[in-house]
Protein backbone atom coordinates (compact mmCIF):
# COMPACT_ATOMS: atom_id res chain seq x y z
CA MET A 1 22.29 -20.41 28.23
CA SER A 2 25.08 -22.86 27.68
CA SER A 3 25.22 -26.03 29.72
CA THR A 4 27.61 -24.45 32.09
CA GLY A 5 24.96 -21.69 32.92
CA GLN A 6 26.98 -18.77 31.37
CA GLN A 7 25.43 -16.34 29.10
CA GLY A 8 28.35 -15.37 27.19
CA ASP A 9 28.01 -18.23 24.92
CA MET A 10 25.08 -17.12 23.10
CA PRO A 11 25.16 -14.66 20.24
CA PRO A 12 23.78 -11.14 21.22
CA SER A 13 20.30 -10.60 19.80
CA SER A 14 19.82 -7.67 17.79
CA SER A 15 16.39 -6.90 18.75
CA SER A 16 13.50 -8.70 20.58
CA ALA A 17 11.09 -8.19 17.78
CA PRO A 18 10.12 -11.50 15.71
CA ARG A 19 11.87 -11.85 12.39
CA ARG A 20 9.49 -11.06 9.50
CA ARG A 21 9.61 -12.02 5.87
CA GLY A 22 10.45 -9.11 3.42
CA VAL A 23 8.18 -7.26 0.98
CA ASN A 24 6.69 -9.49 -1.60
CA LYS A 25 7.68 -8.52 -5.14
CA LEU A 26 5.32 -11.14 -6.81
CA LYS A 27 8.27 -12.59 -8.94
CA ARG A 28 5.60 -15.16 -10.47
CA VAL A 29 3.57 -12.27 -11.85
CA GLN A 30 6.70 -9.89 -12.74
CA GLU A 31 8.52 -12.48 -14.49
CA ALA A 32 5.53 -14.37 -16.10
CA THR A 33 6.33 -14.64 -20.02
CA GLU A 34 2.69 -15.00 -20.65
CA PRO A 35 0.01 -12.78 -19.16
CA LEU A 36 -2.04 -14.64 -16.38
CA VAL A 37 -5.67 -15.36 -17.58
CA VAL A 38 -8.39 -13.81 -15.19
CA GLU A 39 -12.07 -14.94 -15.40
CA SER A 40 -14.83 -12.68 -14.08
CA ASN A 41 -18.28 -13.03 -13.21
CA THR A 42 -21.25 -10.95 -14.59
CA TYR A 43 -20.52 -8.01 -12.11
CA GLY A 44 -16.65 -7.73 -13.42
CA GLN A 45 -15.18 -9.24 -10.45
CA PRO A 46 -12.57 -11.86 -10.84
CA CYS A 47 -13.58 -15.18 -9.64
CA ASN A 48 -10.70 -17.78 -10.32
CA HIS A 49 -7.40 -18.38 -8.72
CA VAL A 50 -5.85 -15.39 -10.38
CA GLU A 51 -7.85 -12.84 -8.23
CA CYS A 52 -5.31 -12.89 -5.37
CA PRO A 53 -2.13 -12.45 -7.58
CA LEU A 54 -4.24 -9.69 -9.46
CA ALA A 55 -5.10 -7.88 -6.09
CA ARG A 56 -1.59 -8.09 -4.61
CA PHE A 57 -0.13 -6.92 -8.04
CA ILE A 58 -2.43 -3.96 -7.86
CA GLY A 59 -1.40 -3.27 -4.19
CA LEU A 60 2.26 -3.46 -5.33
CA LEU A 61 1.77 -0.82 -8.04
CA ILE A 62 -0.27 1.44 -5.63
CA ARG A 63 2.52 1.39 -3.06
CA ASP A 64 5.25 2.44 -5.37
CA PRO A 65 6.04 6.08 -4.72
CA ASN A 66 7.21 6.76 -8.31
CA LEU A 67 3.70 5.54 -9.63
CA VAL A 68 1.41 7.20 -7.09
CA ASP A 69 2.27 10.14 -4.85
CA ILE A 70 1.20 9.29 -1.12
CA ASN A 71 0.22 13.09 -0.68
CA VAL A 72 -2.82 12.78 -3.03
CA LYS A 73 -5.52 13.29 -0.54
CA ASP A 74 -8.30 11.28 -2.48
CA TRP A 75 -8.03 8.55 -5.02
CA ARG A 76 -10.50 10.57 -7.43
CA LYS A 77 -7.80 13.48 -7.36
CA VAL A 78 -5.04 11.08 -8.95
CA PRO A 79 -4.90 12.36 -12.74
CA ASN A 80 -6.84 9.97 -15.13
CA ASP A 81 -3.76 9.44 -17.36
CA ARG A 82 -1.86 8.00 -14.05
CA LYS A 83 -4.85 5.74 -13.53
CA GLU A 84 -4.73 4.70 -17.15
CA MET A 85 -1.13 3.95 -17.15
CA LEU A 86 -1.63 1.84 -14.16
CA TYR A 87 -4.41 -0.04 -15.60
CA ASP A 88 -2.33 -0.40 -18.83
CA THR A 89 0.57 -1.89 -16.64
CA ILE A 90 -2.09 -4.35 -14.91
CA CYS A 91 -3.48 -5.31 -18.46
CA ALA A 92 0.05 -6.14 -19.47
CA LYS A 93 0.36 -8.77 -16.85
CA PHE A 94 -3.15 -10.20 -16.81
CA ASN A 95 -5.47 -11.10 -19.74
CA GLY A 96 -9.19 -10.94 -19.25
CA LEU A 97 -9.63 -7.32 -17.84
CA GLU A 98 -11.48 -6.06 -20.90
CA GLY A 99 -14.85 -4.54 -20.51
CA PRO A 100 -16.13 -1.81 -18.71
CA LYS A 101 -17.46 -3.75 -15.55
CA VAL A 102 -13.95 -5.31 -15.26
CA LYS A 103 -12.13 -2.01 -15.55
CA LYS A 104 -14.69 -0.52 -13.12
CA TRP A 105 -13.65 -3.20 -10.55
CA VAL A 106 -9.94 -2.82 -11.06
CA MET A 107 -10.15 1.08 -10.56
CA GLY A 108 -12.22 0.51 -7.40
CA LYS A 109 -9.77 -2.10 -6.18
CA MET A 110 -6.87 0.64 -6.84
CA GLY A 111 -8.88 3.26 -4.82
CA ASP A 112 -9.49 0.99 -2.01
CA LEU A 113 -5.86 -0.22 -1.85
CA PHE A 114 -4.75 3.31 -2.24
CA CYS A 115 -6.81 4.36 0.83
CA GLY A 116 -5.76 1.46 2.87
CA TRP A 117 -2.03 1.98 1.94
CA ARG A 118 -2.26 5.80 3.20
CA GLN A 119 -4.21 4.76 6.41
CA GLU A 120 -1.70 1.81 7.04
CA ILE A 121 1.17 4.48 6.91
CA ARG A 122 -0.42 6.91 8.94
CA ASP A 123 -1.44 4.35 11.71
CA SER A 124 2.09 2.81 11.86
CA HIS A 125 4.50 5.80 11.43
CA PHE A 126 2.63 8.86 12.51
CA ASP A 127 2.15 10.29 15.75
CA LEU A 128 0.55 13.68 16.21
CA ASP A 129 2.38 14.06 19.66
CA MET A 130 5.75 13.35 18.34
CA PRO A 131 7.92 16.43 17.54
CA LEU A 132 7.92 17.36 14.00
CA HIS A 133 11.70 16.90 13.38
CA ASP A 134 11.50 13.28 14.82
CA GLN A 135 8.37 12.64 12.83
CA TYR A 136 10.15 13.54 9.54
CA ARG A 137 12.75 10.85 10.36
CA HIS A 138 10.17 8.05 11.29
CA PHE A 139 8.78 6.85 8.08
CA ASP A 140 8.39 3.76 6.10
CA HIS A 141 11.30 2.57 3.83
CA ARG A 142 8.66 2.19 0.99
CA VAL A 143 7.60 5.87 0.97
CA ASP A 144 9.69 8.62 -0.65
CA PRO A 145 11.31 10.74 2.01
CA ASP A 146 10.21 14.04 0.32
CA GLN A 147 6.66 12.77 0.04
CA TRP A 148 6.55 11.72 3.65
CA ARG A 149 7.65 15.08 4.81
CA GLN A 150 4.81 16.66 2.92
CA TYR A 151 2.37 14.18 3.98
CA VAL A 152 3.33 14.88 7.63
CA ASP A 153 3.16 18.55 7.27
CA TYR A 154 -0.41 18.04 5.65
CA LEU A 155 -1.43 15.68 8.75
CA HIS A 156 -0.46 18.61 11.03
CA THR A 157 -2.69 21.07 9.31
CA PRO A 158 -6.31 22.05 10.92
CA GLU A 159 -7.82 20.79 7.84
CA ALA A 160 -6.54 17.34 8.09
CA ASN A 161 -7.44 17.34 11.96
CA VAL A 162 -11.07 18.37 11.12
CA ILE A 163 -11.27 15.50 8.44
CA SER A 164 -9.79 12.97 10.75
CA LYS A 165 -12.26 13.83 13.51
CA ARG A 166 -15.19 13.61 11.12
CA ASN A 167 -14.29 10.20 9.75
CA LYS A 168 -13.59 8.87 13.51
CA ALA A 169 -17.12 9.85 14.27
CA ASN A 170 -18.39 8.54 11.06
CA GLN A 171 -16.52 5.17 11.79
CA GLY A 172 -18.41 4.94 15.26
CA LYS A 173 -21.89 5.03 13.44
């Protein structure tokens, strides 16, 4: 309100939701002229200050709808050539990812982040009670609309409901 007590002086608010920063594109990693050096322990896990940018970069690749289709039901079903392409992309930006243990960690991290990404999208944008035509329009801007439509169709199948119930029961254990 203004000092005179009138509301007309304030600019209208577009929404009551708090403003948030945009999606992190990891410019430091993307624009680096030299690959960042990753040190790993005997288990192949990164153990220096580059671990966080590495994990974020992996997540950035996993969420790209042009690289990984959200409709793949299980990370193990992603074609190996696609996984290798992702791994090569990561190796181009980070040095020190050689060796079978490190590669296993990177592949496992990709699988974990893929599973988390699908769950995040489902939890934040999918509602089984919402009419299907509305559901198709209610999607995250980072997901390809055609992929989202197929994903929603899958989530409405009896197979997906059985898997969901089984996973919820297992989560409670």
